[in-house]
Amino acid sequence: MSELLSRTRTFALRCLQVADALPSKAGARAIAAQLARSGTSVAANYRSARRARSKAEFCSKLNIALEEADESHFWLGLIVEARYLPAAKLQKLIQEADELTAMLVASLKTSRLNK
């Protein structure tokens, strides 16, 4: 299994765990649903990109994974700002969202150069 495939899957699982750990307040539940969706979408779209039938499809799916990683970063930051969970608990996951975003950007750049 590739490193990025493994990391996106682990990221998805960790986002689900954070979503489950949020309080039952209405705002927290809304963020939990969004984080669960975007965090798992990173892994699903990266997996789909690896099975793409064309370079255009590959880039499209990779771009969606990138957007979802960035969105996940947003929701994680909002959790901290709303004080639903302490920043220290989410620091590594926020860093992983940043790193996945950087890796997906690099993959997209490489793919576009190889067109």
PDB file of N, CA and C in Angstrom:
ATOM      1  N   MET A   1       0.849  -1.179   0.000  1.00  0.00           N
ATOM      2  CA  MET A   1       0.000   0.000   0.000  1.00  0.00           C
ATOM      3  C   MET A   1       0.893   1.239   0.000  1.00  0.00           C
ATOM      4  N   SER A   2       0.533   2.232  -0.796  1.00  0.00           N
ATOM      5  CA  SER A   2       1.345   3.450  -0.856  1.00  0.00           C
ATOM      6  C   SER A   2       1.209   4.242   0.438  1.00  0.00           C
ATOM      7  N   GLU A   3       2.210   5.051   0.707  1.00  0.00           N
ATOM      8  CA  GLU A   3       2.197   5.871   1.926  1.00  0.00           C
ATOM      9  C   GLU A   3       0.995   6.808   1.951  1.00  0.00           C
ATOM     10  N   LEU A   4       0.709   7.455   0.823  1.00  0.00           N
ATOM     11  CA  LEU A   4      -0.404   8.403   0.784  1.00  0.00           C
ATOM     12  C   LEU A   4      -1.743   7.688   0.954  1.00  0.00           C
ATOM     13  N   LEU A   5      -1.875   6.517   0.386  1.00  0.00           N
ATOM     14  CA  LEU A   5      -3.104   5.738   0.544  1.00  0.00           C
ATOM     15  C   LEU A   5      -3.312   5.386   2.019  1.00  0.00           C
ATOM     16  N   SER A   6      -2.259   4.952   2.665  1.00  0.00           N
ATOM     17  CA  SER A   6      -2.326   4.599   4.080  1.00  0.00           C
ATOM     18  C   SER A   6      -2.614   5.826   4.949  1.00  0.00           C
ATOM     19  N   ARG A   7      -1.955   6.912   4.650  1.00  0.00           N
ATOM     20  CA  ARG A   7      -2.139   8.124   5.457  1.00  0.00           C
ATOM     21  C   ARG A   7      -3.532   8.713   5.294  1.00  0.00           C
ATOM     22  N   THR A   8      -4.090   8.684   4.097  1.00  0.00           N
ATOM     23  CA  THR A   8      -5.440   9.226   3.916  1.00  0.00           C
ATOM     24  C   THR A   8      -6.467   8.358   4.644  1.00  0.00           C
ATOM     25  N   ARG A   9      -6.251   7.049   4.641  1.00  0.00           N
ATOM     26  CA  ARG A   9      -7.157   6.139   5.360  1.00  0.00           C
ATOM     27  C   ARG A   9      -7.083   6.380   6.871  1.00  0.00           C
ATOM     28  N   THR A  10      -5.881   6.517   7.399  1.00  0.00           N
ATOM     29  CA  THR A  10      -5.702   6.792   8.821  1.00  0.00           C
ATOM     30  C   THR A  10      -6.306   8.152   9.177  1.00  0.00           C
ATOM     31  N   PHE A  11      -6.132   9.124   8.293  1.00  0.00           N
ATOM     32  CA  PHE A  11      -6.714  10.453   8.504  1.00  0.00           C
ATOM     33  C   PHE A  11      -8.238  10.348   8.594  1.00  0.00           C
ATOM     34  N   ALA A  12      -8.836   9.582   7.715  1.00  0.00           N
ATOM     35  CA  ALA A  12     -10.290   9.394   7.733  1.00  0.00           C
ATOM     36  C   ALA A  12     -10.746   8.802   9.064  1.00  0.00           C
ATOM     37  N   LEU A  13     -10.052   7.784   9.509  1.00  0.00           N
ATOM     38  CA  LEU A  13     -10.408   7.147  10.779  1.00  0.00           C
ATOM     39  C   LEU A  13     -10.274   8.115  11.951  1.00  0.00           C
ATOM     40  N   ARG A  14      -9.208   8.893  11.942  1.00  0.00           N
ATOM     41  CA  ARG A  14      -8.998   9.855  13.031  1.00  0.00           C
ATOM     42  C   ARG A  14     -10.047  10.965  13.005  1.00  0.00           C
ATOM     43  N   CYS A  15     -10.456  11.395  11.828  1.00  0.00           N
ATOM     44  CA  CYS A  15     -11.520  12.405  11.724  1.00  0.00           C
ATOM     45  C   CYS A  15     -12.833  11.846  12.277  1.00  0.00           C
ATOM     46  N   LEU A  16     -13.120  10.591  11.996  1.00  0.00           N
ATOM     47  CA  LEU A  16     -14.326   9.961  12.541  1.00  0.00           C
ATOM     48  C   LEU A  16     -14.268   9.895  14.064  1.00  0.00           C
ATOM     49  N   GLN A  17     -13.099   9.602  14.601  1.00  0.00           N
ATOM     50  CA  GLN A  17     -12.940   9.545  16.058  1.00  0.00           C
ATOM     51  C   GLN A  17     -13.156  10.917  16.687  1.00  0.00           C
ATOM     52  N   VAL A  18     -12.645  11.957  16.051  1.00  0.00           N
ATOM     53  CA  VAL A  18     -12.854  13.315  16.554  1.00  0.00           C
ATOM     54  C   VAL A  18     -14.340  13.664  16.480  1.00  0.00           C
ATOM     55  N   ALA A  19     -14.980  13.349  15.372  1.00  0.00           N
ATOM     56  CA  ALA A  19     -16.413  13.627  15.229  1.00  0.00           C
ATOM     57  C   ALA A  19     -17.209  12.941  16.333  1.00  0.00           C
ATOM     58  N   ASP A  20     -16.845  11.712  16.644  1.00  0.00           N
ATOM     59  CA  ASP A  20     -17.533  10.973  17.712  1.00  0.00           C
ATOM     60  C   ASP A  20     -17.273  11.571  19.092  1.00  0.00           C
ATOM     61  N   ALA A  21     -16.139  12.242  19.262  1.00  0.00           N
ATOM     62  CA  ALA A  21     -15.761  12.794  20.570  1.00  0.00           C
ATOM     63  C   ALA A  21     -16.354  14.176  20.841  1.00  0.00           C
ATOM     64  N   LEU A  22     -16.965  14.778  19.838  1.00  0.00           N
ATOM     65  CA  LEU A  22     -17.515  16.118  20.028  1.00  0.00           C
ATOM     66  C   LEU A  22     -18.757  16.077  20.919  1.00  0.00           C
ATOM     67  N   PRO A  23     -19.012  17.180  21.628  1.00  0.00           N
ATOM     68  CA  PRO A  23     -20.190  17.216  22.497  1.00  0.00           C
ATOM     69  C   PRO A  23     -21.490  17.154  21.686  1.00  0.00           C
ATOM     70  N   SER A  24     -22.591  16.954  22.387  1.00  0.00           N
ATOM     71  CA  SER A  24     -23.871  16.788  21.693  1.00  0.00           C
ATOM     72  C   SER A  24     -24.605  18.103  21.438  1.00  0.00           C
ATOM     73  N   LYS A  25     -23.912  19.224  21.563  1.00  0.00           N
ATOM     74  CA  LYS A  25     -24.502  20.522  21.223  1.00  0.00           C
ATOM     75  C   LYS A  25     -24.791  20.580  19.733  1.00  0.00           C
ATOM     76  N   ALA A  26     -25.782  21.359  19.348  1.00  0.00           N
ATOM     77  CA  ALA A  26     -26.187  21.445  17.941  1.00  0.00           C
ATOM     78  C   ALA A  26     -25.035  21.874  17.026  1.00  0.00           C
ATOM     79  N   GLY A  27     -24.289  22.898  17.424  1.00  0.00           N
ATOM     80  CA  GLY A  27     -23.172  23.368  16.601  1.00  0.00           C
ATOM     81  C   GLY A  27     -22.093  22.320  16.445  1.00  0.00           C
ATOM     82  N   ALA A  28     -21.772  21.646  17.534  1.00  0.00           N
ATOM     83  CA  ALA A  28     -20.750  20.598  17.495  1.00  0.00           C
ATOM     84  C   ALA A  28     -21.194  19.435  16.626  1.00  0.00           C
ATOM     85  N   ARG A  29     -22.455  19.084  16.683  1.00  0.00           N
ATOM     86  CA  ARG A  29     -22.968  17.970  15.877  1.00  0.00           C
ATOM     87  C   ARG A  29     -22.911  18.324  14.382  1.00  0.00           C
ATOM     88  N   ALA A  30     -23.198  19.589  14.066  1.00  0.00           N
ATOM     89  CA  ALA A  30     -23.125  20.016  12.661  1.00  0.00           C
ATOM     90  C   ALA A  30     -21.687  19.922  12.155  1.00  0.00           C
ATOM     91  N   ILE A  31     -20.747  20.373  12.961  1.00  0.00           N
ATOM     92  CA  ILE A  31     -19.335  20.290  12.580  1.00  0.00           C
ATOM     93  C   ILE A  31     -18.896  18.833  12.499  1.00  0.00           C
ATOM     94  N   ALA A  32     -19.371  18.014  13.438  1.00  0.00           N
ATOM     95  CA  ALA A  32     -19.012  16.588  13.428  1.00  0.00           C
ATOM     96  C   ALA A  32     -19.425  15.937  12.113  1.00  0.00           C
ATOM     97  N   ALA A  33     -20.623  16.244  11.654  1.00  0.00           N
ATOM     98  CA  ALA A  33     -21.100  15.659  10.396  1.00  0.00           C
ATOM     99  C   ALA A  33     -20.249  16.121   9.219  1.00  0.00           C
ATOM    100  N   GLN A  34     -19.901  17.390   9.205  1.00  0.00           N
ATOM    101  CA  GLN A  34     -19.088  17.935   8.113  1.00  0.00           C
ATOM    102  C   GLN A  34     -17.673  17.348   8.137  1.00  0.00           C
ATOM    103  N   LEU A  35     -17.092  17.248   9.329  1.00  0.00           N
ATOM    104  CA  LEU A  35     -15.739  16.680   9.439  1.00  0.00           C
ATOM    105  C   LEU A  35     -15.734  15.210   9.040  1.00  0.00           C
ATOM    106  N   ALA A  36     -16.737  14.470   9.461  1.00  0.00           N
ATOM    107  CA  ALA A  36     -16.819  13.050   9.094  1.00  0.00           C
ATOM    108  C   ALA A  36     -16.903  12.904   7.576  1.00  0.00           C
ATOM    109  N   ARG A  37     -17.687  13.766   6.938  1.00  0.00           N
ATOM    110  CA  ARG A  37     -17.841  13.699   5.486  1.00  0.00           C
ATOM    111  C   ARG A  37     -16.559  14.088   4.763  1.00  0.00           C
ATOM    112  N   SER A  38     -15.982  15.225   5.136  1.00  0.00           N
ATOM    113  CA  SER A  38     -14.792  15.691   4.414  1.00  0.00           C
ATOM    114  C   SER A  38     -13.571  14.827   4.708  1.00  0.00           C
ATOM    115  N   GLY A  39     -13.418  14.404   5.951  1.00  0.00           N
ATOM    116  CA  GLY A  39     -12.257  13.585   6.323  1.00  0.00           C
ATOM    117  C   GLY A  39     -12.243  12.237   5.622  1.00  0.00           C
ATOM    118  N   THR A  40     -13.407  11.618   5.498  1.00  0.00           N
ATOM    119  CA  THR A  40     -13.469  10.328   4.808  1.00  0.00           C
ATOM    120  C   THR A  40     -13.390  10.503   3.293  1.00  0.00           C
ATOM    121  N   SER A  41     -13.840  11.653   2.819  1.00  0.00           N
ATOM    122  CA  SER A  41     -13.805  11.919   1.379  1.00  0.00           C
ATOM    123  C   SER A  41     -12.379  12.042   0.847  1.00  0.00           C
ATOM    124  N   VAL A  42     -11.472  12.515   1.686  1.00  0.00           N
ATOM    125  CA  VAL A  42     -10.060  12.606   1.272  1.00  0.00           C
ATOM    126  C   VAL A  42      -9.580  11.216   0.859  1.00  0.00           C
ATOM    127  N   ALA A  43      -9.796  10.240   1.731  1.00  0.00           N
ATOM    128  CA  ALA A  43      -9.343   8.871   1.464  1.00  0.00           C
ATOM    129  C   ALA A  43     -10.091   8.248   0.285  1.00  0.00           C
ATOM    130  N   ALA A  44     -11.404   8.437   0.248  1.00  0.00           N
ATOM    131  CA  ALA A  44     -12.205   7.830  -0.817  1.00  0.00           C
ATOM    132  C   ALA A  44     -11.815   8.373  -2.192  1.00  0.00           C
ATOM    133  N   ASN A  45     -11.603   9.673  -2.280  1.00  0.00           N
ATOM    134  CA  ASN A  45     -11.252  10.260  -3.572  1.00  0.00           C
ATOM    135  C   ASN A  45      -9.821   9.968  -3.973  1.00  0.00           C
ATOM    136  N   TYR A  46      -8.913   9.866  -3.008  1.00  0.00           N
ATOM    137  CA  TYR A  46      -7.549   9.479  -3.360  1.00  0.00           C
ATOM    138  C   TYR A  46      -7.533   8.041  -3.875  1.00  0.00           C
ATOM    139  N   ARG A  47      -8.281   7.174  -3.210  1.00  0.00           N
ATOM    140  CA  ARG A  47      -8.382   5.780  -3.656  1.00  0.00           C
ATOM    141  C   ARG A  47      -8.970   5.718  -5.077  1.00  0.00           C
ATOM    142  N   SER A  48      -9.994   6.512  -5.303  1.00  0.00           N
ATOM    143  CA  SER A  48     -10.617   6.563  -6.622  1.00  0.00           C
ATOM    144  C   SER A  48      -9.641   7.093  -7.680  1.00  0.00           C
ATOM    145  N   ALA A  49      -8.848   8.080  -7.321  1.00  0.00           N
ATOM    146  CA  ALA A  49      -7.853   8.639  -8.258  1.00  0.00           C
ATOM    147  C   ALA A  49      -6.863   7.566  -8.688  1.00  0.00           C
ATOM    148  N   ARG A  50      -6.463   6.719  -7.755  1.00  0.00           N
ATOM    149  CA  ARG A  50      -5.503   5.654  -8.077  1.00  0.00           C
ATOM    150  C   ARG A  50      -6.069   4.650  -9.076  1.00  0.00           C
ATOM    151  N   ARG A  51      -7.371   4.602  -9.199  1.00  0.00           N
ATOM    152  CA  ARG A  51      -8.016   3.677 -10.132  1.00  0.00           C
ATOM    153  C   ARG A  51      -8.596   4.393 -11.359  1.00  0.00           C
ATOM    154  N   ALA A  52      -8.170   5.628 -11.549  1.00  0.00           N
ATOM    155  CA  ALA A  52      -8.692   6.443 -12.649  1.00  0.00           C
ATOM    156  C   ALA A  52      -8.393   5.804 -14.003  1.00  0.00           C
ATOM    157  N   ARG A  53      -9.298   6.035 -14.940  1.00  0.00           N
ATOM    158  CA  ARG A  53      -9.156   5.472 -16.285  1.00  0.00           C
ATOM    159  C   ARG A  53      -8.420   6.403 -17.231  1.00  0.00           C
ATOM    160  N   SER A  54      -8.229   7.653 -16.805  1.00  0.00           N
ATOM    161  CA  SER A  54      -7.516   8.610 -17.657  1.00  0.00           C
ATOM    162  C   SER A  54      -6.778   9.614 -16.774  1.00  0.00           C
ATOM    163  N   LYS A  55      -5.874  10.339 -17.390  1.00  0.00           N
ATOM    164  CA  LYS A  55      -5.123  11.372 -16.667  1.00  0.00           C
ATOM    165  C   LYS A  55      -6.071  12.470 -16.176  1.00  0.00           C
ATOM    166  N   ALA A  56      -7.060  12.817 -17.001  1.00  0.00           N
ATOM    167  CA  ALA A  56      -8.025  13.853 -16.611  1.00  0.00           C
ATOM    168  C   ALA A  56      -8.845  13.406 -15.405  1.00  0.00           C
ATOM    169  N   GLU A  57      -9.277  12.154 -15.406  1.00  0.00           N
ATOM    170  CA  GLU A  57     -10.041  11.630 -14.273  1.00  0.00           C
ATOM    171  C   GLU A  57      -9.169  11.589 -13.020  1.00  0.00           C
ATOM    172  N   PHE A  58      -7.916  11.195 -13.186  1.00  0.00           N
ATOM    173  CA  PHE A  58      -6.976  11.162 -12.069  1.00  0.00           C
ATOM    174  C   PHE A  58      -6.848  12.548 -11.441  1.00  0.00           C
ATOM    175  N   CYS A  59      -6.611  13.559 -12.266  1.00  0.00           N
ATOM    176  CA  CYS A  59      -6.458  14.926 -11.765  1.00  0.00           C
ATOM    177  C   CYS A  59      -7.735  15.431 -11.102  1.00  0.00           C
ATOM    178  N   SER A  60      -8.867  15.101 -11.679  1.00  0.00           N
ATOM    179  CA  SER A  60     -10.144  15.519 -11.113  1.00  0.00           C
ATOM    180  C   SER A  60     -10.355  14.947  -9.719  1.00  0.00           C
ATOM    181  N   LYS A  61     -10.136  13.648  -9.563  1.00  0.00           N
ATOM    182  CA  LYS A  61     -10.318  12.991  -8.261  1.00  0.00           C
ATOM    183  C   LYS A  61      -9.286  13.481  -7.248  1.00  0.00           C
ATOM    184  N   LEU A  62      -8.063  13.684  -7.704  1.00  0.00           N
ATOM    185  CA  LEU A  62      -7.013  14.186  -6.828  1.00  0.00           C
ATOM    186  C   LEU A  62      -7.354  15.594  -6.344  1.00  0.00           C
ATOM    187  N   ASN A  63      -7.911  16.397  -7.226  1.00  0.00           N
ATOM    188  CA  ASN A  63      -8.299  17.751  -6.868  1.00  0.00           C
ATOM    189  C   ASN A  63      -9.423  17.742  -5.826  1.00  0.00           C
ATOM    190  N   ILE A  64     -10.354  16.813  -5.963  1.00  0.00           N
ATOM    191  CA  ILE A  64     -11.428  16.689  -4.968  1.00  0.00           C
ATOM    192  C   ILE A  64     -10.838  16.292  -3.618  1.00  0.00           C
ATOM    193  N   ALA A  65      -9.913  15.342  -3.619  1.00  0.00           N
ATOM    194  CA  ALA A  65      -9.257  14.930  -2.375  1.00  0.00           C
ATOM    195  C   ALA A  65      -8.553  16.120  -1.732  1.00  0.00           C
ATOM    196  N   LEU A  66      -7.902  16.934  -2.538  1.00  0.00           N
ATOM    197  CA  LEU A  66      -7.223  18.136  -2.049  1.00  0.00           C
ATOM    198  C   LEU A  66      -8.222  19.104  -1.408  1.00  0.00           C
ATOM    199  N   GLU A  67      -9.319  19.366  -2.089  1.00  0.00           N
ATOM    200  CA  GLU A  67     -10.343  20.262  -1.548  1.00  0.00           C
ATOM    201  C   GLU A  67     -10.895  19.739  -0.221  1.00  0.00           C
ATOM    202  N   GLU A  68     -11.093  18.444  -0.133  1.00  0.00           N
ATOM    203  CA  GLU A  68     -11.643  17.846   1.084  1.00  0.00           C
ATOM    204  C   GLU A  68     -10.635  17.887   2.236  1.00  0.00           C
ATOM    205  N   ALA A  69      -9.358  17.736   1.936  1.00  0.00           N
ATOM    206  CA  ALA A  69      -8.322  17.845   2.972  1.00  0.00           C
ATOM    207  C   ALA A  69      -8.296  19.268   3.526  1.00  0.00           C
ATOM    208  N   ASP A  70      -8.396  20.236   2.629  1.00  0.00           N
ATOM    209  CA  ASP A  70      -8.423  21.636   3.048  1.00  0.00           C
ATOM    210  C   ASP A  70      -9.681  21.928   3.865  1.00  0.00           C
ATOM    211  N   GLU A  71     -10.814  21.396   3.452  1.00  0.00           N
ATOM    212  CA  GLU A  71     -12.059  21.581   4.200  1.00  0.00           C
ATOM    213  C   GLU A  71     -11.962  20.936   5.585  1.00  0.00           C
ATOM    214  N   SER A  72     -11.368  19.767   5.663  1.00  0.00           N
ATOM    215  CA  SER A  72     -11.186  19.100   6.956  1.00  0.00           C
ATOM    216  C   SER A  72     -10.356  19.962   7.888  1.00  0.00           C
ATOM    217  N   HIS A  73      -9.316  20.576   7.341  1.00  0.00           N
ATOM    218  CA  HIS A  73      -8.481  21.491   8.128  1.00  0.00           C
ATOM    219  C   HIS A  73      -9.350  22.616   8.691  1.00  0.00           C
ATOM    220  N   PHE A  74     -10.235  23.149   7.876  1.00  0.00           N
ATOM    221  CA  PHE A  74     -11.135  24.214   8.313  1.00  0.00           C
ATOM    222  C   PHE A  74     -11.995  23.763   9.495  1.00  0.00           C
ATOM    223  N   TRP A  75     -12.623  22.585   9.378  1.00  0.00           N
ATOM    224  CA  TRP A  75     -13.501  22.095  10.450  1.00  0.00           C
ATOM    225  C   TRP A  75     -12.715  21.825  11.729  1.00  0.00           C
ATOM    226  N   LEU A  76     -11.523  21.286  11.592  1.00  0.00           N
ATOM    227  CA  LEU A  76     -10.695  21.040  12.776  1.00  0.00           C
ATOM    228  C   LEU A  76     -10.350  22.351  13.481  1.00  0.00           C
ATOM    229  N   GLY A  77     -10.022  23.361  12.711  1.00  0.00           N
ATOM    230  CA  GLY A  77      -9.736  24.670  13.285  1.00  0.00           C
ATOM    231  C   GLY A  77     -10.958  25.269  13.970  1.00  0.00           C
ATOM    232  N   LEU A  78     -12.114  25.068  13.377  1.00  0.00           N
ATOM    233  CA  LEU A  78     -13.354  25.579  13.958  1.00  0.00           C
ATOM    234  C   LEU A  78     -13.664  24.883  15.290  1.00  0.00           C
ATOM    235  N   ILE A  79     -13.368  23.607  15.370  1.00  0.00           N
ATOM    236  CA  ILE A  79     -13.558  22.862  16.624  1.00  0.00           C
ATOM    237  C   ILE A  79     -12.726  23.492  17.734  1.00  0.00           C
ATOM    238  N   VAL A  80     -11.500  23.841  17.404  1.00  0.00           N
ATOM    239  CA  VAL A  80     -10.610  24.465  18.386  1.00  0.00           C
ATOM    240  C   VAL A  80     -11.130  25.859  18.752  1.00  0.00           C
ATOM    241  N   GLU A  81     -11.469  26.657  17.740  1.00  0.00           N
ATOM    242  CA  GLU A  81     -11.936  28.023  17.989  1.00  0.00           C
ATOM    243  C   GLU A  81     -13.227  28.051  18.804  1.00  0.00           C
ATOM    244  N   ALA A  82     -14.104  27.095  18.586  1.00  0.00           N
ATOM    245  CA  ALA A  82     -15.363  27.013  19.333  1.00  0.00           C
ATOM    246  C   ALA A  82     -15.168  26.386  20.711  1.00  0.00           C
ATOM    247  N   ARG A  83     -13.958  25.919  20.945  1.00  0.00           N
ATOM    248  CA  ARG A  83     -13.581  25.288  22.218  1.00  0.00           C
ATOM    249  C   ARG A  83     -14.393  24.025  22.521  1.00  0.00           C
ATOM    250  N   TYR A  84     -14.681  23.280  21.454  1.00  0.00           N
ATOM    251  CA  TYR A  84     -15.357  21.991  21.639  1.00  0.00           C
ATOM    252  C   TYR A  84     -14.369  20.927  22.112  1.00  0.00           C
ATOM    253  N   LEU A  85     -13.114  21.046  21.647  1.00  0.00           N
ATOM    254  CA  LEU A  85     -12.025  20.166  22.083  1.00  0.00           C
ATOM    255  C   LEU A  85     -10.767  21.021  22.214  1.00  0.00           C
ATOM    256  N   PRO A  86      -9.842  20.642  23.105  1.00  0.00           N
ATOM    257  CA  PRO A  86      -8.619  21.431  23.259  1.00  0.00           C
ATOM    258  C   PRO A  86      -7.696  21.338  22.039  1.00  0.00           C
ATOM    259  N   ALA A  87      -7.031  22.436  21.754  1.00  0.00           N
ATOM    260  CA  ALA A  87      -6.119  22.505  20.609  1.00  0.00           C
ATOM    261  C   ALA A  87      -5.055  21.424  20.675  1.00  0.00           C
ATOM    262  N   ALA A  88      -4.560  21.147  21.863  1.00  0.00           N
ATOM    263  CA  ALA A  88      -3.504  20.139  22.014  1.00  0.00           C
ATOM    264  C   ALA A  88      -3.952  18.768  21.518  1.00  0.00           C
ATOM    265  N   LYS A  89      -5.241  18.455  21.678  1.00  0.00           N
ATOM    266  CA  LYS A  89      -5.764  17.161  21.223  1.00  0.00           C
ATOM    267  C   LYS A  89      -5.822  17.061  19.701  1.00  0.00           C
ATOM    268  N   LEU A  90      -5.955  18.202  19.042  1.00  0.00           N
ATOM    269  CA  LEU A  90      -6.140  18.198  17.585  1.00  0.00           C
ATOM    270  C   LEU A  90      -4.901  18.627  16.815  1.00  0.00           C
ATOM    271  N   GLN A  91      -3.857  19.047  17.511  1.00  0.00           N
ATOM    272  CA  GLN A  91      -2.664  19.584  16.854  1.00  0.00           C
ATOM    273  C   GLN A  91      -2.091  18.629  15.802  1.00  0.00           C
ATOM    274  N   LYS A  92      -1.924  17.361  16.145  1.00  0.00           N
ATOM    275  CA  LYS A  92      -1.329  16.404  15.205  1.00  0.00           C
ATOM    276  C   LYS A  92      -2.242  16.142  14.007  1.00  0.00           C
ATOM    277  N   LEU A  93      -3.545  16.127  14.239  1.00  0.00           N
ATOM    278  CA  LEU A  93      -4.475  15.890  13.132  1.00  0.00           C
ATOM    279  C   LEU A  93      -4.521  17.103  12.204  1.00  0.00           C
ATOM    280  N   ILE A  94      -4.456  18.289  12.773  1.00  0.00           N
ATOM    281  CA  ILE A  94      -4.407  19.508  11.957  1.00  0.00           C
ATOM    282  C   ILE A  94      -3.116  19.517  11.131  1.00  0.00           C
ATOM    283  N   GLN A  95      -2.017  19.119  11.748  1.00  0.00           N
ATOM    284  CA  GLN A  95      -0.739  19.027  11.024  1.00  0.00           C
ATOM    285  C   GLN A  95      -0.841  17.995   9.899  1.00  0.00           C
ATOM    286  N   GLU A  96      -1.494  16.890  10.160  1.00  0.00           N
ATOM    287  CA  GLU A  96      -1.659  15.864   9.121  1.00  0.00           C
ATOM    288  C   GLU A  96      -2.498  16.394   7.968  1.00  0.00           C
ATOM    289  N   ALA A  97      -3.527  17.177   8.267  1.00  0.00           N
ATOM    290  CA  ALA A  97      -4.331  17.789   7.204  1.00  0.00           C
ATOM    291  C   ALA A  97      -3.458  18.699   6.345  1.00  0.00           C
ATOM    292  N   ASP A  98      -2.576  19.465   6.984  1.00  0.00           N
ATOM    293  CA  ASP A  98      -1.638  20.323   6.241  1.00  0.00           C
ATOM    294  C   ASP A  98      -0.699  19.499   5.366  1.00  0.00           C
ATOM    295  N   GLU A  99      -0.159  18.433   5.933  1.00  0.00           N
ATOM    296  CA  GLU A  99       0.787  17.598   5.189  1.00  0.00           C
ATOM    297  C   GLU A  99       0.108  16.879   4.030  1.00  0.00           C
ATOM    298  N   LEU A 100      -1.091  16.380   4.250  1.00  0.00           N
ATOM    299  CA  LEU A 100      -1.827  15.716   3.158  1.00  0.00           C
ATOM    300  C   LEU A 100      -2.133  16.712   2.044  1.00  0.00           C
ATOM    301  N   THR A 101      -2.506  17.922   2.437  1.00  0.00           N
ATOM    302  CA  THR A 101      -2.774  18.962   1.445  1.00  0.00           C
ATOM    303  C   THR A 101      -1.521  19.219   0.602  1.00  0.00           C
ATOM    304  N   ALA A 102      -0.383  19.340   1.250  1.00  0.00           N
ATOM    305  CA  ALA A 102       0.872  19.588   0.535  1.00  0.00           C
ATOM    306  C   ALA A 102       1.220  18.418  -0.391  1.00  0.00           C
ATOM    307  N   MET A 103       1.017  17.199   0.092  1.00  0.00           N
ATOM    308  CA  MET A 103       1.322  16.029  -0.730  1.00  0.00           C
ATOM    309  C   MET A 103       0.395  15.943  -1.945  1.00  0.00           C
ATOM    310  N   LEU A 104      -0.872  16.272  -1.760  1.00  0.00           N
ATOM    311  CA  LEU A 104      -1.820  16.231  -2.873  1.00  0.00           C
ATOM    312  C   LEU A 104      -1.529  17.329  -3.885  1.00  0.00           C
ATOM    313  N   VAL A 105      -1.134  18.498  -3.406  1.00  0.00           N
ATOM    314  CA  VAL A 105      -0.739  19.582  -4.319  1.00  0.00           C
ATOM    315  C   VAL A 105       0.460  19.143  -5.148  1.00  0.00           C
ATOM    316  N   ALA A 106       1.448  18.541  -4.497  1.00  0.00           N
ATOM    317  CA  ALA A 106       2.643  18.072  -5.208  1.00  0.00           C
ATOM    318  C   ALA A 106       2.281  17.009  -6.240  1.00  0.00           C
ATOM    319  N   SER A 107       1.395  16.106  -5.887  1.00  0.00           N
ATOM    320  CA  SER A 107       0.967  15.061  -6.834  1.00  0.00           C
ATOM    321  C   SER A 107       0.253  15.667  -8.031  1.00  0.00           C
ATOM    322  N   LEU A 108      -0.594  16.657  -7.775  1.00  0.00           N
ATOM    323  CA  LEU A 108      -1.295  17.324  -8.884  1.00  0.00           C
ATOM    324  C   LEU A 108      -0.308  18.042  -9.802  1.00  0.00           C
ATOM    325  N   LYS A 109       0.671  18.729  -9.222  1.00  0.00           N
ATOM    326  CA  LYS A 109       1.678  19.430 -10.028  1.00  0.00           C
ATOM    327  C   LYS A 109       2.460  18.446 -10.886  1.00  0.00           C
ATOM    328  N   THR A 110       2.858  17.343 -10.295  1.00  0.00           N
ATOM    329  CA  THR A 110       3.607  16.315 -11.034  1.00  0.00           C
ATOM    330  C   THR A 110       2.763  15.762 -12.159  1.00  0.00           C
ATOM    331  N   SER A 111       1.513  15.475 -11.872  1.00  0.00           N
ATOM    332  CA  SER A 111       0.628  14.906 -12.883  1.00  0.00           C
ATOM    333  C   SER A 111       0.412  15.879 -14.039  1.00  0.00           C
ATOM    334  N   ARG A 112       0.261  17.143 -13.725  1.00  0.00           N
ATOM    335  CA  ARG A 112       0.048  18.145 -14.779  1.00  0.00           C
ATOM    336  C   ARG A 112       1.302  18.342 -15.623  1.00  0.00           C
ATOM    337  N   LEU A 113       2.473  18.205 -14.997  1.00  0.00           N
ATOM    338  CA  LEU A 113       3.723  18.328 -15.756  1.00  0.00           C
ATOM    339  C   LEU A 113       3.914  17.147 -16.710  1.00  0.00           C
ATOM    340  N   ASN A 114       3.375  16.001 -16.335  1.00  0.00           N
ATOM    341  CA  ASN A 114       3.537  14.797 -17.147  1.00  0.00           C
ATOM    342  C   ASN A 114       2.465  14.632 -18.225  1.00  0.00           C
ATOM    343  N   LYS A 115       1.621  15.637 -18.406  1.00  0.00           N
ATOM    344  CA  LYS A 115       0.530  15.532 -19.388  1.00  0.00           C
ATOM    345  C   LYS A 115       1.042  15.484 -20.798  1.00  0.00           C
TER     346      LYS A 115
END
